[in-house]
Protein backbone atom coordinates (compact mmCIF):
# COMPACT_ATOMS: atom_id res chain seq x y z
CA MET A 1 150.45 153.74 61.41
CA ILE A 2 151.71 151.47 64.77
CA ILE A 3 153.98 149.49 62.05
CA VAL A 4 155.31 152.98 61.23
CA LEU A 5 155.38 154.17 64.75
CA ILE A 6 157.58 151.12 65.94
CA LEU A 7 159.83 151.05 63.11
CA VAL A 8 160.49 154.30 63.60
CA PHE A 9 161.65 154.11 67.53
CA PHE A 10 163.41 150.48 67.36
CA GLY A 11 165.80 152.40 64.75
CA LEU A 12 166.05 155.98 65.99
CA MET A 13 166.91 154.01 69.47
CA PHE A 14 169.42 151.88 67.66
CA LEU A 15 171.18 154.66 66.73
CA ALA A 16 171.12 156.39 70.38
CA VAL A 17 168.96 159.33 69.86
CA PRO A 18 167.30 160.66 73.13
CA VAL A 19 164.08 159.22 74.17
CA GLY A 20 162.00 162.24 74.53
CA HIS A 21 162.82 163.17 70.75
CA VAL A 22 162.32 159.49 69.43
CA LEU A 23 158.88 159.26 70.98
CA VAL A 24 158.27 162.47 69.02
CA ALA A 25 159.78 162.05 65.83
CA ALA A 26 157.81 158.48 65.67
CA ALA A 27 154.82 159.65 66.74
CA SER A 28 155.15 161.66 64.00
CA ALA A 29 156.20 159.44 61.37
CA SER A 30 152.92 157.69 62.35
CA VAL A 31 150.51 160.32 61.84
CA LEU A 32 152.10 161.56 58.50
CA ALA A 33 151.79 158.33 57.10
CA SER A 34 147.97 157.56 58.47
CA GLY A 35 147.39 160.11 55.85
CA HIS A 36 144.04 160.99 57.22
CA LEU A 37 145.30 162.96 60.13
CA PRO A 38 147.14 166.08 60.43
CA LEU A 39 150.34 166.63 61.81
CA MET A 40 148.69 169.74 64.46
CA ILE A 41 147.21 166.89 66.31
CA VAL A 42 150.70 165.94 67.52
CA VAL A 43 150.81 169.06 69.44
CA GLN A 44 148.07 169.31 70.60
CA GLN A 45 148.18 165.53 72.16
CA MET A 46 151.65 167.10 73.56
CA PHE A 47 149.95 170.16 75.05
CA GLN A 48 146.67 168.84 76.45
CA GLN A 49 149.25 165.92 78.57
CA THR A 50 150.74 169.30 80.65
CA GLN A 51 147.44 170.42 81.39
CA SER A 52 147.14 168.39 84.81
CA PHE A 53 146.93 170.12 88.20
CA PRO A 54 148.77 167.28 89.93
CA MET A 55 151.68 167.18 87.36
CA LEU A 56 152.69 170.24 89.60
CA ALA A 57 154.23 167.68 91.79
CA LEU A 58 156.56 166.84 89.63
CA PRO A 59 159.26 169.86 89.78
CA PHE A 60 158.75 170.74 93.08
CA PHE A 61 159.35 167.36 94.39
CA ILE A 62 162.41 167.37 92.21
CA LEU A 63 162.96 170.92 94.00
CA SER A 64 162.59 169.87 97.22
CA GLY A 65 165.16 167.12 96.97
CA SER A 66 168.02 169.06 95.36
CA LEU A 67 167.49 171.40 98.19
CA MET A 68 167.91 168.98 100.83
CA MET A 69 170.63 167.19 99.18
CA SER A 70 172.11 169.41 99.27
CA GLY A 71 174.61 170.91 101.93
CA ARG A 72 175.19 169.92 105.44
CA LEU A 73 171.94 168.17 105.46
CA GLY A 74 173.65 165.54 103.02
CA ARG A 75 176.96 164.93 104.62
CA ASN A 76 174.83 164.22 108.15
CA MET A 77 172.58 161.80 106.69
CA ILE A 78 175.42 159.85 105.19
CA GLU A 79 177.50 159.73 108.71
CA PHE A 80 174.03 158.66 110.75
CA ALA A 81 173.83 155.68 107.99
CA THR A 82 177.41 155.06 108.16
CA LEU A 83 177.27 154.93 112.10
CA LEU A 84 174.19 152.34 111.76
CA VAL A 85 176.09 149.91 110.00
CA GLN A 86 179.28 150.56 109.39
CA ARG A 87 180.62 148.00 112.94
CA TYR A 88 179.15 145.20 110.88
CA ARG A 89 180.27 142.71 108.06
CA GLY A 90 180.09 144.78 104.91
CA GLY A 91 179.16 147.77 106.67
CA LEU A 92 181.13 149.99 104.25
CA THR A 93 178.94 149.05 101.60
CA SER A 94 176.05 148.88 103.60
CA THR A 95 176.53 152.52 104.28
CA SER A 96 175.30 153.30 100.21
CA VAL A 97 172.18 151.03 101.05
CA VAL A 98 171.44 152.36 104.57
CA GLY A 99 171.97 155.93 102.96
CA SER A 100 169.93 155.35 99.54
CA ALA A 101 166.99 154.42 101.75
CA VAL A 102 167.17 157.87 103.62
CA PHE A 103 168.23 159.88 100.36
CA GLY A 104 165.28 157.88 99.10
CA GLY A 105 162.78 159.96 101.33
CA VAL A 106 164.02 163.05 99.82
CA SER A 107 165.00 163.13 96.03
CA GLY A 108 162.39 160.31 95.20
CA SER A 109 164.94 159.93 92.36
CA ALA A 110 167.39 156.88 91.25
CA VAL A 111 169.52 158.69 89.17
CA ALA A 112 169.93 161.52 91.58
CA ASP A 113 170.68 159.24 94.24
CA ALA A 114 173.70 157.16 92.73
CA THR A 115 174.97 160.39 91.90
CA ALA A 116 175.14 161.83 95.20
CA ILE A 117 175.68 158.94 97.45
CA GLY A 118 178.01 157.27 94.70
CA GLY A 119 180.38 160.37 94.94
CA MET A 120 180.38 160.68 98.36
CA LEU A 121 180.70 156.19 99.41
CA ILE A 122 182.08 154.57 96.37
CA PRO A 123 185.71 157.13 96.46
CA TRP A 124 186.08 155.92 100.55
CA GLN A 125 184.70 152.10 99.59
CA LYS A 126 187.92 151.85 97.42
CA LYS A 127 190.11 153.25 99.36
CA ALA A 128 189.34 151.15 102.58
CA GLY A 129 190.00 148.07 99.74
CA TYR A 130 186.56 146.74 98.78
CA PRO A 131 186.97 145.70 95.36
CA PRO A 132 185.92 148.71 92.53
CA ALA A 133 183.55 146.67 90.25
CA TYR A 134 181.33 145.47 93.75
CA CYS A 135 181.53 148.95 95.19
CA ALA A 136 179.64 150.05 91.52
CA ALA A 137 177.42 147.02 91.80
CA ASN A 138 176.03 148.28 95.06
CA ASN A 139 175.67 151.68 94.75
CA ALA A 140 173.92 150.95 91.15
CA ALA A 141 171.56 148.28 92.67
CA ALA A 142 170.75 150.16 96.65
CA SER A 143 170.55 153.43 94.39
CA THR A 144 166.95 152.38 92.95
CA ILE A 145 165.71 151.89 96.51
CA ALA A 146 165.16 155.83 96.34
CA ILE A 147 162.25 155.39 93.60
CA LEU A 148 160.29 152.93 96.04
CA ILE A 149 159.89 155.33 99.03
CA PRO A 150 157.35 158.14 99.15
CA PRO A 151 158.41 160.93 97.29
CA SER A 152 158.52 159.04 93.92
CA ILE A 153 158.69 160.52 90.91
CA PRO A 154 158.04 156.97 89.04
CA MET A 155 154.91 156.60 90.87
CA ILE A 156 154.10 160.10 90.17
CA LEU A 157 153.92 158.94 86.54
CA TYR A 158 152.01 155.46 86.81
CA SER A 159 149.31 157.92 88.69
CA LEU A 160 149.09 160.25 85.36
CA VAL A 161 148.47 156.32 83.42
CA SER A 162 146.31 154.23 85.59
CA ASP A 163 144.30 156.97 87.38
CA VAL A 164 145.77 155.53 91.04
CA SER A 165 145.64 158.06 94.05
CA VAL A 166 149.54 158.91 94.31
CA SER A 167 149.07 159.05 97.88
CA ALA A 168 147.62 155.13 98.21
CA LEU A 169 151.38 154.57 95.28
CA PHE A 170 153.06 156.11 98.48
CA PHE A 171 151.89 153.84 101.16
CA ALA A 172 152.39 150.97 98.93
CA GLY A 173 155.88 151.82 98.19
CA VAL A 174 157.29 151.74 101.44
CA LEU A 175 157.40 148.07 101.98
CA PRO A 176 159.44 146.96 99.40
CA GLY A 177 161.44 150.00 99.74
CA LEU A 178 162.31 148.44 102.90
CA ILE A 179 162.65 145.01 102.17
CA LEU A 180 165.00 145.73 99.30
CA THR A 181 167.27 147.55 101.88
CA ALA A 182 167.30 145.00 104.20
CA VAL A 183 167.83 142.43 101.39
CA PHE A 184 170.96 144.58 99.88
CA VAL A 185 172.43 144.64 103.42
CA ILE A 186 172.37 140.61 103.27
CA VAL A 187 174.00 140.50 100.02
CA ASN A 188 176.84 142.75 101.47
CA ASN A 189 177.12 141.53 104.99
CA LEU A 190 177.22 137.71 103.14
CA SER A 191 179.76 138.72 100.12
CA ALA A 192 182.52 139.88 102.71
CA ARG A 193 182.35 136.97 104.79
CA LEU A 194 182.49 134.68 102.01
CA ARG A 195 184.70 136.66 100.19
CA GLY A 196 186.93 138.28 102.90
CA PHE A 197 186.30 141.85 102.60
CA PRO A 198 188.06 144.69 104.60
CA PHE A 199 186.17 144.21 108.16
CA GLU A 200 187.15 146.89 111.44
CA LYS A 201 185.19 146.32 114.39
CA ILE A 202 183.78 149.41 115.73
CA PRO A 203 182.08 149.98 118.75
CA PHE A 204 178.90 151.05 119.12
CA ASP A 205 179.19 155.00 120.32
CA GLY A 206 175.61 155.66 121.36
CA PRO A 207 175.79 159.67 121.98
CA LYS A 208 177.30 160.34 118.57
CA VAL A 209 174.59 158.16 117.11
CA ARG A 210 171.95 160.54 119.09
CA SER A 211 174.21 163.38 117.93
CA LEU A 212 173.97 162.53 114.38
CA PHE A 213 169.82 161.26 114.47
CA ILE A 214 168.85 164.72 115.67
CA GLN A 215 171.24 166.01 113.25
CA ALA A 216 169.94 164.28 110.44
CA ALA A 217 166.09 164.58 111.38
CA PRO A 218 164.23 166.42 108.96
CA ALA A 219 165.73 164.76 106.24
CA LEU A 220 164.15 161.57 107.60
CA ALA A 221 161.16 163.21 108.50
CA MET A 222 160.16 164.38 105.54
CA PRO A 223 158.76 161.08 104.18
CA ILE A 224 156.92 160.62 107.43
CA PHE A 225 155.36 164.13 106.31
CA ILE A 226 154.58 163.69 103.48
CA LEU A 227 152.20 160.16 104.46
CA LEU A 228 150.95 161.37 106.94
CA PHE A 229 149.84 164.74 105.19
CA LEU A 230 148.60 162.60 102.69
CA ARG A 231 146.93 159.81 105.16
CA PHE A 232 145.14 162.51 106.95
CA GLY A 233 143.77 164.59 103.76
CA ILE A 234 145.36 167.14 105.12
CA ALA A 235 146.78 168.57 101.57
CA THR A 236 146.71 166.79 97.47
CA PRO A 237 149.83 165.67 96.47
CA THR A 238 150.82 169.15 94.55
CA GLU A 239 149.71 170.94 97.97
CA VAL A 240 152.71 168.23 99.94
CA SER A 241 155.09 169.02 97.30
CA VAL A 242 154.83 172.41 97.44
CA LEU A 243 155.28 172.52 100.68
CA ALA A 244 158.14 169.94 100.77
CA VAL A 245 159.70 172.98 98.81
CA LEU A 246 158.74 175.47 101.85
CA TYR A 247 160.28 172.56 104.71
CA ALA A 248 163.44 172.26 102.79
CA LEU A 249 164.26 175.81 102.53
CA ALA A 250 163.26 176.60 106.22
CA ALA A 251 166.05 173.49 107.34
CA GLY A 252 168.70 174.91 105.32
CA LEU A 253 167.92 178.96 106.60
CA PHE A 254 166.69 177.95 109.87
CA ILE A 255 168.50 174.70 111.17
CA TYR A 256 171.60 174.32 109.18
CA ARG A 257 171.85 177.67 107.93
CA ASP A 258 173.96 176.99 105.31
CA MET A 259 171.15 177.91 102.74
CA ASN A 260 172.31 180.96 100.58
CA TRP A 261 171.30 182.70 97.30
CA SER A 262 173.96 180.30 95.40
CA ARG A 263 172.90 176.79 96.28
CA PHE A 264 169.30 177.87 95.63
CA TYR A 265 170.38 179.37 92.27
CA ALA A 266 171.76 176.14 91.84
CA ALA A 267 169.16 173.93 93.12
CA VAL A 268 166.52 175.68 91.18
CA ILE A 269 168.39 175.07 87.75
CA SER A 270 169.35 171.45 88.30
CA ALA A 271 165.26 170.87 89.55
CA GLY A 272 164.49 172.19 86.20
CA VAL A 273 166.87 170.96 83.80
CA ALA A 274 165.33 167.38 85.26
CA THR A 275 161.84 168.65 85.12
CA GLY A 276 162.60 170.09 80.95
CA VAL A 277 164.02 166.06 80.76
CA VAL A 278 160.98 164.32 82.18
CA MET A 279 158.21 166.54 80.55
CA LEU A 280 159.40 166.18 77.37
CA VAL A 281 159.12 162.33 77.91
CA ILE A 282 156.02 163.03 79.33
CA MET A 283 153.96 164.94 76.23
CA ALA A 284 155.84 162.64 73.87
CA SER A 285 154.82 159.39 75.65
CA ALA A 286 151.05 161.21 75.49
CA VAL A 287 151.09 161.10 71.67
CA VAL A 288 152.50 157.70 71.41
CA GLY A 289 149.59 156.67 74.39
CA TRP A 290 147.07 158.05 71.98
CA ILE A 291 147.81 156.22 68.86
CA MET A 292 148.26 152.81 70.32
CA THR A 293 144.44 153.85 71.76
CA ILE A 294 142.91 154.63 68.52
CA GLU A 295 144.79 151.52 66.86
CA GLN A 296 143.14 149.34 69.80
CA VAL A 297 146.58 148.20 70.94
CA PRO A 298 145.97 147.53 74.94
CA GLN A 299 142.49 145.89 73.57
CA LEU A 300 144.61 143.74 71.07
CA PHE A 301 147.06 142.65 73.83
CA SER A 302 144.44 141.45 76.43
CA GLU A 303 142.75 139.65 73.96
CA TRP A 304 145.86 137.89 73.09
CA ALA A 305 146.69 137.30 76.61
CA LEU A 306 143.49 135.93 77.81
CA GLY A 307 143.00 133.77 74.18
CA THR A 308 146.82 132.39 74.30
CA LEU A 309 148.32 132.30 78.15
CA LYS A 310 144.72 132.30 79.97
CA GLU A 311 145.51 132.11 83.18
CA PRO A 312 146.03 134.71 85.66
CA TRP A 313 149.21 134.10 86.99
CA LEU A 314 150.96 133.27 84.00
CA ILE A 315 149.73 136.54 82.49
CA ILE A 316 151.33 138.13 85.30
CA VAL A 317 154.64 136.08 84.53
CA ALA A 318 154.18 137.43 81.07
CA MET A 319 153.73 141.28 81.98
CA ASN A 320 157.17 141.21 84.44
CA VAL A 321 158.98 139.84 81.30
CA ILE A 322 157.57 142.46 79.12
CA MET A 323 158.81 145.02 81.70
CA LEU A 324 162.42 143.96 82.71
CA ILE A 325 162.88 143.30 78.94
CA ALA A 326 161.79 146.84 78.18
CA GLY A 327 163.36 148.29 80.80
CA MET A 328 166.12 147.21 79.50
CA PHE A 329 166.47 149.32 76.81
CA ILE A 330 164.00 152.31 77.45
CA ASP A 331 164.59 154.57 80.19
CA LEU A 332 162.14 154.29 83.50
CA PRO A 333 159.54 157.43 82.74
CA ALA A 334 158.92 156.04 79.11
CA ALA A 335 158.39 152.72 79.84
CA ILE A 336 155.87 153.82 82.61
CA LEU A 337 154.09 156.11 80.06
CA LEU A 338 154.24 153.34 77.68
CA LEU A 339 153.46 150.21 79.29
CA GLY A 340 151.09 152.03 81.39
CA PRO A 341 148.10 152.14 79.27
CA ILE A 342 148.90 148.85 78.01
CA PHE A 343 148.53 146.86 81.42
CA VAL A 344 145.88 148.75 83.48
CA PRO A 345 143.09 147.43 80.98
CA LEU A 346 144.88 143.79 81.38
CA ALA A 347 145.14 143.99 84.97
CA ARG A 348 141.64 145.03 85.34
CA VAL A 349 140.49 141.79 83.39
CA ILE A 350 142.84 139.18 85.38
CA GLY A 351 141.29 140.66 88.80
CA LEU A 352 145.09 142.29 90.05
CA ASP A 353 144.71 145.09 91.91
CA LEU A 354 146.05 148.22 90.01
CA THR A 355 148.12 149.47 93.03
CA GLN A 356 149.92 146.28 93.44
CA LEU A 357 150.68 146.63 89.93
CA GLY A 358 152.04 150.16 89.92
CA ILE A 359 154.41 148.61 92.63
CA ILE A 360 155.11 145.78 89.58
CA MET A 361 156.03 147.62 87.39
CA VAL A 362 158.21 150.25 89.05
CA LEU A 363 160.03 147.34 90.70
CA ASN A 364 160.61 145.87 87.27
CA LEU A 365 161.60 149.25 85.54
CA ALA A 366 164.03 149.31 88.58
CA ILE A 367 166.02 146.50 88.03
CA GLY A 368 166.19 148.10 84.12
CA LEU A 369 168.06 151.00 85.90
CA TYR A 370 171.35 148.67 86.93
CA THR A 371 170.70 145.90 83.68
CA PRO A 372 172.79 146.72 80.48
CA PRO A 373 172.93 147.91 77.70
CA VAL A 374 170.93 150.91 78.76
CA GLY A 375 171.39 150.96 82.40
CA THR A 376 171.55 154.34 83.63
CA THR A 377 172.67 153.73 87.91
CA LEU A 378 175.07 151.06 86.18
CA PHE A 379 176.74 153.75 83.81
CA ILE A 380 176.93 156.22 86.42
CA SER A 381 178.19 154.31 89.24
CA ALA A 382 180.70 152.12 87.05
CA SER A 383 182.05 155.88 85.57
CA ILE A 384 182.51 157.36 89.50
CA ALA A 385 184.10 153.39 90.44
CA ARG A 386 186.42 154.21 87.53
CA THR A 387 185.77 150.20 86.25
CA ALA A 388 184.41 148.72 83.54
CA ILE A 389 180.49 147.60 83.27
CA ILE A 390 181.41 144.28 82.19
CA GLU A 391 183.12 143.56 85.69
CA THR A 392 180.64 145.79 86.95
CA THR A 393 177.38 143.52 85.65
CA LYS A 394 179.40 140.59 86.95
CA GLU A 395 179.04 141.72 90.79
CA LEU A 396 175.82 142.25 90.39
CA PHE A 397 174.51 138.64 90.06
CA PRO A 398 173.63 138.63 94.06
CA PHE A 399 171.99 141.89 93.43
CA TYR A 400 169.61 140.70 90.81
CA VAL A 401 169.05 137.22 92.58
CA MET A 402 167.41 138.90 95.73
CA ALA A 403 165.92 141.65 93.93
CA LEU A 404 164.09 139.02 91.49
CA ALA A 405 163.06 137.44 94.77
CA VAL A 406 161.07 140.47 96.27
CA LEU A 407 159.45 141.12 92.51
CA LEU A 408 157.96 137.86 92.66
CA ALA A 409 157.03 137.97 96.52
CA PHE A 410 155.02 141.28 95.41
CA SER A 411 154.16 139.83 92.11
CA TYR A 412 151.76 137.04 93.64
CA ILE A 413 151.18 138.27 97.44
CA PRO A 414 148.49 141.14 97.12
CA ALA A 415 148.99 141.64 100.82
CA LEU A 416 151.85 142.78 100.71
CA THR A 417 150.87 145.27 98.92
CA LEU A 418 147.38 146.22 99.88
CA HIS A 419 148.14 146.97 103.79
């Protein structure tokens, strides 16, 4: 069965069929090839995966992000991020990085982040004299910070396959998100100095910064609000996601007063479409995971890794390489749901904490989002900047180096994750 699944999977991926449909078709083909399993089992496994209370957090967090990112709030957040870093070299591109960290506390989606921030900032950066390919590369890499700062959609998905608490993953994601923000700002600063990017020394405007901070405070408070509720057990992740929607509505209605029916309707439709895409991948991945379980793929992989590589540090290297390669070809949600059931048992055997594995997995697959040939944020950013993918990829080199350095640190220093 597993051979048929692999052949159909890669065959359809080569034909550029959407990954959700690929997973359903590959699972169905492998079940049919077994000769003794009814095809109805595919439907049963898909339906069973939807019967999860924690999974309700997905659509509500997506909806809260849609509500918060539109309207005046989004503009205020970008203006606040701009004032913080614009006065330094590389400040205009660093605005994308800081803005992504701030937006990450609202959206939890790298794709939404790349689209929203890139659409606002890349044209402005190009107009100021920055190379279009560099602007695209910076936006593509920076937008992945959003999936580390809570609420993080990929971390919720990893929780489904690992049984690690969402709150533990959210807390563990804060530090790598902040470190990535810092190192990408450093990349922009050094690039601006070495390549002579445009720079205009702007005096620090304290009153304006305070004013914009107050205006952006409702969005800046969102991740703090989520972490506090989870840390003190006030609400479950699903309940927090519902409260986040109510919070976003209250901010739009009573603080910014720009919420109306048309904007609410657009946010609901956007969140519904995004949820549908993710849910199809989740349901289809459940069938593939079930097939891999009955074929004992996780056990066989663990035996091979322990027998061949032996040393835990070498096994972690192999896991990182596999995840980096998978991230280049498979969408992030599907990669987490497919690789999680394989790596979680192996991590238990070698003593790798499952929370640390979750951060390693998200960091790896985040790099895949801006790596060809299927780099989602890479394609979005290059499209906005109207530049070639190959030129954008060349400009990504320093971002790759720094991201891999961060990945290496979190792979081998447990204290960074288990604080």
